[in-house]
Amino acid sequence: MICKVAFMSMLIQTMFQYPQSNQTDHADDINMSDSEALHLSQSTAASNWSDMQKSSRERYNDAMQMLTNGHLEFLRSQASQPLQDLQYSTRAYYVRHAKAAFEFICDIIAPGQGHDLVDEVVCSYRSSSVVSQQDSMTDTVVEAYKKAADHTTRTQILSLIANKYSKATLLKMIEGMTIHQIDMARKHAATYLPGHYVDPPKIV
């Protein structure tokens, strides 16, 4: 037993005192790389497994914290029943959080134009992609717009449907329509209410 220990001690000393050949060094490098690759693979698998164990809310919070640099509050819960059955305060919380998250995402997609993109998406939900599916009120408004005698009246009339349809749909719906006219009509609706008549400024 003592001889075996002494022999092992000598062998270890020899390994550290004498440099090994290039072939052996190269083999050690390969072994080290394989070991690192195995460790990386195991770490990735462990990370994937850990992510799989997270709830959808936890994964959502992780993603949004990364996208917003921590500026969006954590989603504290998820709706477990129809929204219309929730208490008003609970429903308002979900709406407020969804709105904030959506605005962050839109600002990433269109930097500096996030609010405009939100408006476009909301309008696209409200509108029909096919003009032939317009309701009778829209048809009436479009005809009145075409017959309006001046710019102010056209803006007033267009404000009735300016927020009901996306800009792209309105451009297809009314020949000669411009983005500027749509923006003015939406501003009119926000300032005075849709279709509200505004007295023109008196010239003194």
N, C-alpha and C. Protein backbone atom coordinates (compact mmCIF):
# COMPACT_ATOMS: atom_id res chain seq x y z
N MET A 1 0.83 -1.19 0.00
CA MET A 1 0.00 0.00 0.00
C MET A 1 0.87 1.25 0.00
N ILE A 2 1.93 1.23 0.84
CA ILE A 2 2.84 2.37 0.93
C ILE A 2 3.53 2.58 -0.40
N CYS A 3 3.90 1.45 -1.08
CA CYS A 3 4.57 1.54 -2.37
C CYS A 3 3.68 2.18 -3.41
N LYS A 4 2.41 1.83 -3.36
CA LYS A 4 1.46 2.39 -4.31
C LYS A 4 1.33 3.89 -4.11
N VAL A 5 1.25 4.34 -2.86
CA VAL A 5 1.14 5.77 -2.56
C VAL A 5 2.37 6.50 -3.04
N ALA A 6 3.56 5.93 -2.78
CA ALA A 6 4.81 6.56 -3.19
C ALA A 6 4.88 6.66 -4.70
N PHE A 7 4.46 5.59 -5.38
CA PHE A 7 4.49 5.59 -6.84
C PHE A 7 3.57 6.67 -7.40
N MET A 8 2.37 6.80 -6.84
CA MET A 8 1.43 7.82 -7.30
C MET A 8 1.98 9.21 -7.07
N SER A 9 2.66 9.40 -5.93
CA SER A 9 3.25 10.70 -5.62
C SER A 9 4.32 11.06 -6.63
N MET A 10 5.14 10.09 -6.99
CA MET A 10 6.20 10.32 -7.97
C MET A 10 5.60 10.64 -9.34
N LEU A 11 4.55 9.93 -9.68
CA LEU A 11 3.92 10.14 -10.97
C LEU A 11 3.36 11.55 -11.09
N ILE A 12 2.71 12.00 -10.01
CA ILE A 12 2.14 13.36 -10.00
C ILE A 12 3.23 14.40 -10.13
N GLN A 13 4.34 14.21 -9.38
CA GLN A 13 5.45 15.15 -9.46
C GLN A 13 6.03 15.21 -10.86
N THR A 14 6.15 14.05 -11.49
CA THR A 14 6.69 13.97 -12.84
C THR A 14 5.80 14.73 -13.82
N MET A 15 4.50 14.60 -13.66
CA MET A 15 3.55 15.27 -14.56
C MET A 15 3.68 16.78 -14.49
N PHE A 16 3.97 17.30 -13.30
CA PHE A 16 4.06 18.75 -13.14
C PHE A 16 5.46 19.28 -13.42
N GLN A 17 6.49 18.43 -13.32
CA GLN A 17 7.86 18.90 -13.53
C GLN A 17 8.25 18.93 -14.99
N TYR A 18 7.71 18.03 -15.79
CA TYR A 18 8.10 17.91 -17.18
C TYR A 18 6.98 18.33 -18.11
N PRO A 19 7.25 19.24 -19.03
CA PRO A 19 6.22 19.66 -19.97
C PRO A 19 5.82 18.51 -20.86
N GLN A 20 4.55 18.46 -21.22
CA GLN A 20 4.05 17.41 -22.08
C GLN A 20 4.18 17.83 -23.53
N SER A 21 3.99 16.92 -24.44
CA SER A 21 4.14 17.20 -25.86
C SER A 21 3.01 18.10 -26.35
N ASN A 22 3.21 18.67 -27.54
CA ASN A 22 2.19 19.52 -28.14
C ASN A 22 0.91 18.76 -28.39
N GLN A 23 1.05 17.49 -28.73
CA GLN A 23 -0.13 16.69 -29.01
C GLN A 23 -0.99 16.56 -27.76
N THR A 24 -0.33 16.34 -26.62
CA THR A 24 -1.07 16.21 -25.37
C THR A 24 -1.71 17.54 -24.98
N ASP A 25 -0.94 18.66 -25.16
CA ASP A 25 -1.49 19.97 -24.85
C ASP A 25 -2.74 20.22 -25.69
N HIS A 26 -2.66 19.86 -26.97
CA HIS A 26 -3.79 20.06 -27.87
C HIS A 26 -4.98 19.25 -27.43
N ALA A 27 -4.71 18.05 -26.98
CA ALA A 27 -5.80 17.19 -26.50
C ALA A 27 -6.45 17.80 -25.27
N ASP A 28 -5.60 18.39 -24.38
CA ASP A 28 -6.15 19.03 -23.18
C ASP A 28 -7.04 20.19 -23.57
N ASP A 29 -6.62 20.96 -24.63
CA ASP A 29 -7.42 22.09 -25.08
C ASP A 29 -8.77 21.61 -25.59
N ILE A 30 -8.74 20.50 -26.33
CA ILE A 30 -9.99 19.95 -26.85
C ILE A 30 -10.90 19.51 -25.71
N ASN A 31 -10.29 18.87 -24.73
CA ASN A 31 -11.08 18.41 -23.59
C ASN A 31 -11.68 19.59 -22.83
N MET A 32 -10.90 20.66 -22.69
CA MET A 32 -11.39 21.84 -21.99
C MET A 32 -12.54 22.47 -22.76
N SER A 33 -12.43 22.57 -24.07
CA SER A 33 -13.49 23.14 -24.89
C SER A 33 -14.76 22.30 -24.80
N ASP A 34 -14.59 21.00 -24.86
CA ASP A 34 -15.74 20.11 -24.74
C ASP A 34 -16.41 20.29 -23.39
N SER A 35 -15.57 20.45 -22.35
CA SER A 35 -16.11 20.63 -21.01
C SER A 35 -16.90 21.92 -20.91
N GLU A 36 -16.33 22.99 -21.50
CA GLU A 36 -17.02 24.28 -21.48
C GLU A 36 -18.32 24.21 -22.26
N ALA A 37 -18.28 23.53 -23.42
CA ALA A 37 -19.48 23.40 -24.23
C ALA A 37 -20.56 22.63 -23.48
N LEU A 38 -20.13 21.58 -22.78
CA LEU A 38 -21.08 20.78 -22.00
C LEU A 38 -21.70 21.62 -20.89
N HIS A 39 -20.83 22.43 -20.23
CA HIS A 39 -21.33 23.28 -19.15
C HIS A 39 -22.32 24.31 -19.68
N LEU A 40 -21.98 24.90 -20.85
CA LEU A 40 -22.87 25.87 -21.46
C LEU A 40 -24.20 25.24 -21.84
N SER A 41 -24.12 24.05 -22.41
CA SER A 41 -25.34 23.33 -22.81
C SER A 41 -26.21 23.02 -21.59
N GLN A 42 -25.56 22.60 -20.51
CA GLN A 42 -26.30 22.29 -19.28
C GLN A 42 -26.93 23.54 -18.69
N SER A 43 -26.17 24.67 -18.75
CA SER A 43 -26.69 25.93 -18.21
C SER A 43 -27.89 26.40 -19.01
N THR A 44 -27.80 26.28 -20.36
CA THR A 44 -28.90 26.68 -21.23
C THR A 44 -30.13 25.82 -20.98
N ALA A 45 -29.90 24.52 -20.84
CA ALA A 45 -31.02 23.61 -20.58
C ALA A 45 -31.67 23.93 -19.24
N ALA A 46 -30.82 24.24 -18.25
CA ALA A 46 -31.35 24.57 -16.92
C ALA A 46 -32.16 25.86 -16.98
N SER A 47 -31.63 26.84 -17.77
CA SER A 47 -32.33 28.11 -17.91
C SER A 47 -33.67 27.91 -18.60
N ASN A 48 -33.67 27.11 -19.68
CA ASN A 48 -34.91 26.84 -20.40
C ASN A 48 -35.90 26.12 -19.51
N TRP A 49 -35.39 25.18 -18.72
CA TRP A 49 -36.27 24.44 -17.82
C TRP A 49 -36.87 25.38 -16.78
N SER A 50 -36.01 26.32 -16.29
CA SER A 50 -36.48 27.28 -15.29
C SER A 50 -37.57 28.17 -15.87
N ASP A 51 -37.37 28.61 -17.13
CA ASP A 51 -38.37 29.46 -17.78
C ASP A 51 -39.69 28.71 -17.97
N MET A 52 -39.58 27.41 -18.27
CA MET A 52 -40.79 26.62 -18.47
C MET A 52 -41.60 26.49 -17.19
N GLN A 53 -40.91 26.59 -16.06
CA GLN A 53 -41.60 26.47 -14.78
C GLN A 53 -42.31 27.76 -14.38
N LYS A 54 -41.98 28.86 -15.06
CA LYS A 54 -42.59 30.14 -14.72
C LYS A 54 -44.00 30.23 -15.30
N SER A 55 -44.83 30.97 -14.61
CA SER A 55 -46.19 31.20 -15.10
C SER A 55 -46.15 32.20 -16.25
N SER A 56 -47.23 32.29 -16.99
CA SER A 56 -47.28 33.25 -18.10
C SER A 56 -47.15 34.68 -17.58
N ARG A 57 -47.67 34.95 -16.40
CA ARG A 57 -47.55 36.29 -15.83
C ARG A 57 -46.10 36.61 -15.50
N GLU A 58 -45.36 35.64 -14.95
CA GLU A 58 -43.95 35.86 -14.62
C GLU A 58 -43.13 36.09 -15.89
N ARG A 59 -43.41 35.30 -16.94
CA ARG A 59 -42.68 35.49 -18.20
C ARG A 59 -43.02 36.85 -18.82
N TYR A 60 -44.29 37.24 -18.72
CA TYR A 60 -44.70 38.56 -19.22
C TYR A 60 -43.97 39.67 -18.47
N ASN A 61 -43.94 39.59 -17.15
CA ASN A 61 -43.27 40.60 -16.34
C ASN A 61 -41.78 40.69 -16.68
N ASP A 62 -41.14 39.52 -16.86
CA ASP A 62 -39.71 39.51 -17.21
C ASP A 62 -39.49 40.22 -18.53
N ALA A 63 -40.32 39.90 -19.52
CA ALA A 63 -40.16 40.49 -20.85
C ALA A 63 -40.40 41.99 -20.83
N MET A 64 -41.45 42.43 -20.15
CA MET A 64 -41.78 43.85 -20.13
C MET A 64 -40.78 44.66 -19.31
N GLN A 65 -40.23 44.06 -18.26
CA GLN A 65 -39.21 44.76 -17.49
C GLN A 65 -37.97 45.00 -18.35
N MET A 66 -37.65 44.03 -19.21
CA MET A 66 -36.51 44.18 -20.10
C MET A 66 -36.79 45.23 -21.18
N LEU A 67 -37.99 45.19 -21.77
CA LEU A 67 -38.33 46.11 -22.85
C LEU A 67 -38.44 47.55 -22.37
N THR A 68 -38.94 47.74 -21.14
CA THR A 68 -39.20 49.09 -20.65
C THR A 68 -38.14 49.59 -19.67
N ASN A 69 -37.07 48.80 -19.51
CA ASN A 69 -36.01 49.17 -18.56
C ASN A 69 -36.56 49.39 -17.15
N GLY A 70 -37.54 48.58 -16.79
CA GLY A 70 -38.08 48.64 -15.44
C GLY A 70 -39.07 49.76 -15.19
N HIS A 71 -39.52 50.46 -16.25
CA HIS A 71 -40.42 51.60 -16.07
C HIS A 71 -41.89 51.19 -15.98
N LEU A 72 -42.21 49.97 -16.36
CA LEU A 72 -43.59 49.52 -16.29
C LEU A 72 -43.79 48.72 -15.01
N GLU A 73 -44.85 49.03 -14.27
CA GLU A 73 -45.09 48.31 -13.03
C GLU A 73 -45.39 46.84 -13.32
N PHE A 74 -45.06 45.97 -12.36
CA PHE A 74 -45.33 44.55 -12.52
C PHE A 74 -46.83 44.28 -12.58
N LEU A 75 -47.20 43.34 -13.42
CA LEU A 75 -48.60 42.89 -13.46
C LEU A 75 -48.82 42.03 -12.22
N ARG A 76 -49.69 42.48 -11.34
CA ARG A 76 -49.85 41.80 -10.05
C ARG A 76 -50.73 40.57 -10.11
N SER A 77 -51.62 40.52 -11.08
CA SER A 77 -52.53 39.38 -11.19
C SER A 77 -53.05 39.28 -12.61
N GLN A 78 -53.78 38.22 -12.89
CA GLN A 78 -54.40 38.03 -14.20
C GLN A 78 -55.89 37.83 -14.02
N ALA A 79 -56.66 38.25 -15.02
CA ALA A 79 -58.12 38.10 -14.95
C ALA A 79 -58.48 36.61 -15.06
N SER A 80 -59.19 36.12 -14.09
CA SER A 80 -59.56 34.70 -14.08
C SER A 80 -61.04 34.50 -14.41
N GLN A 81 -61.72 35.58 -14.74
CA GLN A 81 -63.12 35.50 -15.11
C GLN A 81 -63.41 36.57 -16.17
N PRO A 82 -64.55 36.51 -16.85
CA PRO A 82 -64.85 37.51 -17.89
C PRO A 82 -64.70 38.93 -17.37
N LEU A 83 -64.16 39.81 -18.20
CA LEU A 83 -63.91 41.19 -17.77
C LEU A 83 -65.18 41.88 -17.30
N GLN A 84 -66.30 41.60 -17.97
CA GLN A 84 -67.55 42.27 -17.59
C GLN A 84 -68.04 41.86 -16.21
N ASP A 85 -67.51 40.74 -15.69
CA ASP A 85 -67.92 40.27 -14.37
C ASP A 85 -67.01 40.78 -13.26
N LEU A 86 -65.94 41.45 -13.61
CA LEU A 86 -65.00 41.95 -12.61
C LEU A 86 -65.53 43.23 -11.97
N GLN A 87 -65.04 43.51 -10.77
CA GLN A 87 -65.37 44.77 -10.13
C GLN A 87 -64.78 45.91 -10.96
N TYR A 88 -65.39 47.07 -10.87
CA TYR A 88 -64.96 48.21 -11.69
C TYR A 88 -63.48 48.53 -11.45
N SER A 89 -63.05 48.55 -10.19
CA SER A 89 -61.66 48.91 -9.89
C SER A 89 -60.67 47.89 -10.46
N THR A 90 -61.04 46.62 -10.42
CA THR A 90 -60.17 45.56 -10.96
C THR A 90 -60.08 45.68 -12.48
N ARG A 91 -61.22 45.87 -13.12
CA ARG A 91 -61.23 46.02 -14.57
C ARG A 91 -60.44 47.26 -15.00
N ALA A 92 -60.60 48.34 -14.25
CA ALA A 92 -59.88 49.58 -14.56
C ALA A 92 -58.37 49.36 -14.43
N TYR A 93 -57.96 48.54 -13.46
CA TYR A 93 -56.53 48.26 -13.28
C TYR A 93 -55.97 47.55 -14.50
N TYR A 94 -56.69 46.54 -15.01
CA TYR A 94 -56.23 45.80 -16.18
C TYR A 94 -56.19 46.69 -17.42
N VAL A 95 -57.19 47.54 -17.57
CA VAL A 95 -57.22 48.46 -18.72
C VAL A 95 -56.04 49.42 -18.63
N ARG A 96 -55.79 49.96 -17.44
CA ARG A 96 -54.70 50.92 -17.26
C ARG A 96 -53.34 50.26 -17.55
N HIS A 97 -53.16 49.04 -17.06
CA HIS A 97 -51.89 48.35 -17.28
C HIS A 97 -51.71 48.01 -18.76
N ALA A 98 -52.76 47.50 -19.40
CA ALA A 98 -52.68 47.13 -20.81
C ALA A 98 -52.38 48.36 -21.66
N LYS A 99 -53.00 49.49 -21.34
CA LYS A 99 -52.77 50.73 -22.09
C LYS A 99 -51.31 51.17 -21.97
N ALA A 100 -50.77 51.12 -20.75
CA ALA A 100 -49.39 51.54 -20.54
C ALA A 100 -48.42 50.61 -21.28
N ALA A 101 -48.68 49.30 -21.19
CA ALA A 101 -47.81 48.33 -21.87
C ALA A 101 -47.87 48.52 -23.38
N PHE A 102 -49.06 48.74 -23.89
CA PHE A 102 -49.25 48.91 -25.33
C PHE A 102 -48.54 50.16 -25.82
N GLU A 103 -48.60 51.23 -25.05
CA GLU A 103 -47.94 52.47 -25.45
C GLU A 103 -46.42 52.30 -25.48
N PHE A 104 -45.88 51.55 -24.50
CA PHE A 104 -44.44 51.28 -24.50
C PHE A 104 -44.04 50.52 -25.77
N ILE A 105 -44.83 49.49 -26.12
CA ILE A 105 -44.52 48.67 -27.29
C ILE A 105 -44.62 49.49 -28.57
N CYS A 106 -45.65 50.32 -28.68
CA CYS A 106 -45.82 51.15 -29.87
C CYS A 106 -44.67 52.14 -30.02
N ASP A 107 -44.16 52.65 -28.90
CA ASP A 107 -43.06 53.61 -28.97
C ASP A 107 -41.76 52.92 -29.37
N ILE A 108 -41.66 51.62 -29.09
CA ILE A 108 -40.49 50.86 -29.54
C ILE A 108 -40.58 50.63 -31.05
N ILE A 109 -41.79 50.30 -31.51
CA ILE A 109 -41.99 50.05 -32.94
C ILE A 109 -41.82 51.33 -33.75
N ALA A 110 -42.37 52.43 -33.23
CA ALA A 110 -42.28 53.72 -33.92
C ALA A 110 -41.77 54.77 -32.93
N PRO A 111 -40.45 54.84 -32.73
CA PRO A 111 -39.89 55.77 -31.75
C PRO A 111 -40.36 57.20 -31.96
N GLY A 112 -40.85 57.79 -30.87
CA GLY A 112 -41.33 59.17 -30.94
C GLY A 112 -42.70 59.33 -31.53
N GLN A 113 -43.28 58.22 -32.02
CA GLN A 113 -44.60 58.27 -32.63
C GLN A 113 -45.54 57.23 -32.00
N GLY A 114 -45.19 56.80 -30.80
CA GLY A 114 -45.96 55.76 -30.15
C GLY A 114 -47.43 56.08 -30.00
N HIS A 115 -47.72 57.33 -29.61
CA HIS A 115 -49.12 57.72 -29.40
C HIS A 115 -49.89 57.68 -30.72
N ASP A 116 -49.25 58.13 -31.79
CA ASP A 116 -49.91 58.10 -33.11
C ASP A 116 -50.19 56.67 -33.54
N LEU A 117 -49.25 55.77 -33.26
CA LEU A 117 -49.44 54.37 -33.63
C LEU A 117 -50.56 53.74 -32.83
N VAL A 118 -50.65 54.10 -31.55
CA VAL A 118 -51.76 53.62 -30.71
C VAL A 118 -53.09 54.02 -31.32
N ASP A 119 -53.20 55.30 -31.73
CA ASP A 119 -54.43 55.79 -32.34
C ASP A 119 -54.78 55.01 -33.60
N GLU A 120 -53.76 54.74 -34.41
CA GLU A 120 -53.99 54.02 -35.66
C GLU A 120 -54.48 52.60 -35.39
N VAL A 121 -53.87 51.94 -34.42
CA VAL A 121 -54.27 50.56 -34.11
C VAL A 121 -55.69 50.53 -33.56
N VAL A 122 -56.02 51.46 -32.65
CA VAL A 122 -57.36 51.52 -32.09
C VAL A 122 -58.39 51.76 -33.19
N CYS A 123 -58.07 52.68 -34.09
CA CYS A 123 -58.99 52.97 -35.19
C CYS A 123 -59.14 51.78 -36.11
N SER A 124 -58.05 51.03 -36.30
CA SER A 124 -58.12 49.87 -37.18
C SER A 124 -59.04 48.80 -36.62
N TYR A 125 -59.12 48.72 -35.29
CA TYR A 125 -60.05 47.77 -34.67
C TYR A 125 -61.49 48.19 -34.92
N ARG A 126 -61.71 49.49 -34.87
CA ARG A 126 -63.07 50.01 -35.03
C ARG A 126 -63.54 49.96 -36.48
N SER A 127 -62.59 50.11 -37.37
CA SER A 127 -62.98 50.25 -38.77
C SER A 127 -63.06 48.92 -39.50
N SER A 128 -63.66 48.98 -40.66
CA SER A 128 -63.72 47.82 -41.55
C SER A 128 -62.66 48.00 -42.62
N SER A 129 -61.99 46.94 -42.98
CA SER A 129 -60.94 47.03 -43.98
C SER A 129 -61.53 47.15 -45.39
N VAL A 130 -62.80 46.87 -45.53
CA VAL A 130 -63.46 46.94 -46.83
C VAL A 130 -64.48 48.06 -46.80
N VAL A 131 -64.35 49.01 -47.73
CA VAL A 131 -65.22 50.17 -47.74
C VAL A 131 -66.68 49.78 -47.94
N SER A 132 -66.92 48.68 -48.66
CA SER A 132 -68.30 48.26 -48.94
C SER A 132 -69.06 47.88 -47.68
N GLN A 133 -68.32 47.68 -46.57
CA GLN A 133 -68.96 47.29 -45.32
C GLN A 133 -69.31 48.51 -44.45
N GLN A 134 -69.23 49.70 -45.00
CA GLN A 134 -69.57 50.91 -44.26
C GLN A 134 -71.05 50.88 -43.85
N ASP A 135 -71.33 51.49 -42.72
CA ASP A 135 -72.73 51.57 -42.30
C ASP A 135 -73.40 52.77 -42.98
N SER A 136 -74.71 52.86 -42.84
CA SER A 136 -75.46 53.91 -43.53
C SER A 136 -75.07 55.30 -43.05
N MET A 137 -74.72 55.43 -41.76
CA MET A 137 -74.34 56.75 -41.25
C MET A 137 -73.05 57.22 -41.92
N THR A 138 -72.11 56.31 -42.09
CA THR A 138 -70.85 56.67 -42.74
C THR A 138 -71.09 57.11 -44.17
N ASP A 139 -71.95 56.39 -44.88
CA ASP A 139 -72.27 56.77 -46.26
C ASP A 139 -72.84 58.18 -46.32
N THR A 140 -73.72 58.50 -45.36
CA THR A 140 -74.34 59.82 -45.32
C THR A 140 -73.30 60.91 -45.05
N VAL A 141 -72.38 60.61 -44.11
CA VAL A 141 -71.33 61.57 -43.76
C VAL A 141 -70.41 61.82 -44.95
N VAL A 142 -70.04 60.75 -45.64
CA VAL A 142 -69.15 60.88 -46.80
C VAL A 142 -69.80 61.74 -47.89
N GLU A 143 -71.08 61.52 -48.15
CA GLU A 143 -71.79 62.30 -49.16
C GLU A 143 -71.86 63.77 -48.76
N ALA A 144 -72.14 64.01 -47.45
CA ALA A 144 -72.22 65.39 -46.97
C ALA A 144 -70.85 66.07 -47.06
N TYR A 145 -69.81 65.32 -46.79
CA TYR A 145 -68.45 65.86 -46.86
C TYR A 145 -68.13 66.30 -48.29
N LYS A 146 -68.50 65.46 -49.24
CA LYS A 146 -68.21 65.77 -50.64
C LYS A 146 -68.96 67.00 -51.12
N LYS A 147 -70.14 67.26 -50.54
CA LYS A 147 -70.96 68.39 -50.98
C LYS A 147 -70.70 69.66 -50.18
N ALA A 148 -69.89 69.56 -49.13
CA ALA A 148 -69.63 70.74 -48.29
C ALA A 148 -68.96 71.84 -49.10
N ALA A 149 -69.35 73.08 -48.79
CA ALA A 149 -68.90 74.22 -49.60
C ALA A 149 -67.55 74.78 -49.18
N ASP A 150 -67.16 74.56 -47.92
CA ASP A 150 -65.90 75.16 -47.47
C ASP A 150 -65.12 74.20 -46.58
N HIS A 151 -63.88 74.58 -46.33
CA HIS A 151 -62.96 73.73 -45.56
C HIS A 151 -63.45 73.51 -44.13
N THR A 152 -63.94 74.57 -43.48
CA THR A 152 -64.39 74.47 -42.09
C THR A 152 -65.54 73.47 -41.96
N THR A 153 -66.49 73.55 -42.88
CA THR A 153 -67.63 72.63 -42.84
C THR A 153 -67.19 71.20 -43.10
N ARG A 154 -66.25 71.01 -44.02
CA ARG A 154 -65.75 69.66 -44.30
C ARG A 154 -65.06 69.07 -43.07
N THR A 155 -64.29 69.90 -42.37
CA THR A 155 -63.62 69.43 -41.15
C THR A 155 -64.64 69.02 -40.09
N GLN A 156 -65.68 69.85 -39.94
CA GLN A 156 -66.74 69.57 -38.98
C GLN A 156 -67.43 68.24 -39.31
N ILE A 157 -67.75 68.02 -40.58
CA ILE A 157 -68.45 66.80 -40.99
C ILE A 157 -67.54 65.58 -40.84
N LEU A 158 -66.30 65.72 -41.27
CA LEU A 158 -65.36 64.60 -41.21
C LEU A 158 -65.07 64.18 -39.77
N SER A 159 -65.18 65.12 -38.84
CA SER A 159 -64.91 64.81 -37.44
C SER A 159 -65.88 63.77 -36.87
N LEU A 160 -67.02 63.58 -37.55
CA LEU A 160 -68.00 62.59 -37.10
C LEU A 160 -67.49 61.16 -37.24
N ILE A 161 -66.60 60.94 -38.22
CA ILE A 161 -66.11 59.58 -38.45
C ILE A 161 -64.58 59.50 -38.43
N ALA A 162 -63.90 60.59 -38.14
CA ALA A 162 -62.44 60.63 -38.22
C ALA A 162 -61.77 59.64 -37.27
N ASN A 163 -62.39 59.41 -36.13
CA ASN A 163 -61.82 58.48 -35.15
C ASN A 163 -62.42 57.09 -35.22
N LYS A 164 -63.38 56.93 -36.11
CA LYS A 164 -64.03 55.62 -36.26
C LYS A 164 -63.25 54.72 -37.21
N TYR A 165 -62.50 55.33 -38.12
CA TYR A 165 -61.74 54.59 -39.12
C TYR A 165 -60.27 54.97 -39.07
N SER A 166 -59.43 54.07 -39.52
CA SER A 166 -58.00 54.38 -39.60
C SER A 166 -57.76 55.36 -40.74
N LYS A 167 -56.60 56.00 -40.71
CA LYS A 167 -56.28 56.95 -41.76
C LYS A 167 -56.24 56.27 -43.13
N ALA A 168 -55.68 55.06 -43.16
CA ALA A 168 -55.58 54.33 -44.42
C ALA A 168 -56.97 54.07 -45.02
N THR A 169 -57.93 53.71 -44.14
CA THR A 169 -59.29 53.44 -44.61
C THR A 169 -59.97 54.71 -45.10
N LEU A 170 -59.78 55.81 -44.37
CA LEU A 170 -60.38 57.08 -44.77
C LEU A 170 -59.82 57.56 -46.10
N LEU A 171 -58.54 57.34 -46.32
CA LEU A 171 -57.93 57.75 -47.58
C LEU A 171 -58.52 56.99 -48.77
N LYS A 172 -58.85 55.72 -48.53
CA LYS A 172 -59.47 54.92 -49.58
C LYS A 172 -60.96 55.26 -49.74
N MET A 173 -61.57 55.64 -48.63
CA MET A 173 -63.01 55.86 -48.60
C MET A 173 -63.42 57.14 -49.34
N ILE A 174 -62.60 58.19 -49.20
CA ILE A 174 -62.96 59.49 -49.75
C ILE A 174 -61.88 59.94 -50.72
N GLU A 175 -62.25 60.07 -51.97
CA GLU A 175 -61.30 60.48 -53.00
C GLU A 175 -60.79 61.89 -52.74
N GLY A 176 -59.48 62.05 -52.82
CA GLY A 176 -58.89 63.37 -52.60
C GLY A 176 -58.59 63.67 -51.14
N MET A 177 -58.91 62.74 -50.25
CA MET A 177 -58.65 62.94 -48.83
C MET A 177 -57.15 63.00 -48.56
N THR A 178 -56.74 63.82 -47.58
CA THR A 178 -55.33 63.93 -47.22
C THR A 178 -55.16 63.65 -45.73
N ILE A 179 -53.93 63.30 -45.36
CA ILE A 179 -53.61 63.05 -43.95
C ILE A 179 -53.86 64.31 -43.12
N HIS A 180 -53.52 65.46 -43.67
CA HIS A 180 -53.72 66.72 -42.95
C HIS A 180 -55.20 66.95 -42.63
N GLN A 181 -56.08 66.67 -43.58
CA GLN A 181 -57.52 66.85 -43.34
C GLN A 181 -58.02 65.91 -42.24
N ILE A 182 -57.51 64.70 -42.23
CA ILE A 182 -57.91 63.74 -41.18
C ILE A 182 -57.43 64.22 -39.82
N ASP A 183 -56.17 64.69 -39.77
CA ASP A 183 -55.62 65.19 -38.51
C ASP A 183 -56.43 66.38 -37.98
N MET A 184 -56.82 67.27 -38.88
CA MET A 184 -57.62 68.43 -38.48
C MET A 184 -58.99 68.00 -37.96
N ALA A 185 -59.59 67.02 -38.62
CA ALA A 185 -60.91 66.53 -38.19
C ALA A 185 -60.82 65.86 -36.82
N ARG A 186 -59.75 65.10 -36.59
CA ARG A 186 -59.57 64.45 -35.28
C ARG A 186 -59.31 65.48 -34.19
N LYS A 187 -58.57 66.52 -34.54
CA LYS A 187 -58.33 67.60 -33.59
C LYS A 187 -59.63 68.31 -33.26
N HIS A 188 -60.47 68.52 -34.26
CA HIS A 188 -61.78 69.16 -34.06
C HIS A 188 -62.63 68.31 -33.13
N ALA A 189 -62.64 66.99 -33.35
CA ALA A 189 -63.44 66.08 -32.51
C ALA A 189 -62.96 66.10 -31.07
N ALA A 190 -61.63 66.17 -30.89
CA ALA A 190 -61.07 66.17 -29.53
C ALA A 190 -61.30 67.50 -28.82
N THR A 191 -61.31 68.58 -29.59
CA THR A 191 -61.44 69.92 -29.00
C THR A 191 -62.89 70.34 -28.79
N TYR A 192 -63.73 70.08 -29.79
CA TYR A 192 -65.11 70.60 -29.74
C TYR A 192 -66.19 69.51 -29.70
N LEU A 193 -65.80 68.26 -29.80
CA LEU A 193 -66.70 67.10 -29.93
C LEU A 193 -67.01 66.86 -31.41
N PRO A 194 -67.21 65.60 -31.78
CA PRO A 194 -67.46 65.26 -33.19
C PRO A 194 -68.69 65.97 -33.77
N GLY A 195 -68.51 66.61 -34.90
CA GLY A 195 -69.61 67.25 -35.60
C GLY A 195 -70.07 68.56 -35.02
N HIS A 196 -69.44 69.00 -33.94
CA HIS A 196 -69.88 70.25 -33.28
C HIS A 196 -69.58 71.46 -34.16
N TYR A 197 -70.57 72.32 -34.29
CA TYR A 197 -70.39 73.53 -35.11
C TYR A 197 -69.62 74.57 -34.33
N VAL A 198 -68.67 75.18 -34.99
CA VAL A 198 -67.87 76.23 -34.35
C VAL A 198 -68.05 77.50 -35.16
N ASP A 199 -68.45 78.58 -34.48
CA ASP A 199 -68.61 79.87 -35.16
C ASP A 199 -67.27 80.33 -35.70
N PRO A 200 -67.22 80.73 -36.95
CA PRO A 200 -65.96 81.23 -37.52
C PRO A 200 -65.56 82.53 -36.83
N PRO A 201 -64.29 82.79 -36.71
CA PRO A 201 -63.84 84.04 -36.05
C PRO A 201 -64.34 85.26 -36.81
N LYS A 202 -64.78 86.23 -36.05
CA LYS A 202 -65.30 87.46 -36.68
C LYS A 202 -64.15 88.36 -37.11
N ILE A 203 -64.29 88.87 -38.29
CA ILE A 203 -63.25 89.79 -38.82
C ILE A 203 -63.68 91.21 -38.51
N VAL A 204 -62.91 91.90 -37.73
CA VAL A 204 -63.23 93.26 -37.31
C VAL A 204 -62.58 94.25 -38.24
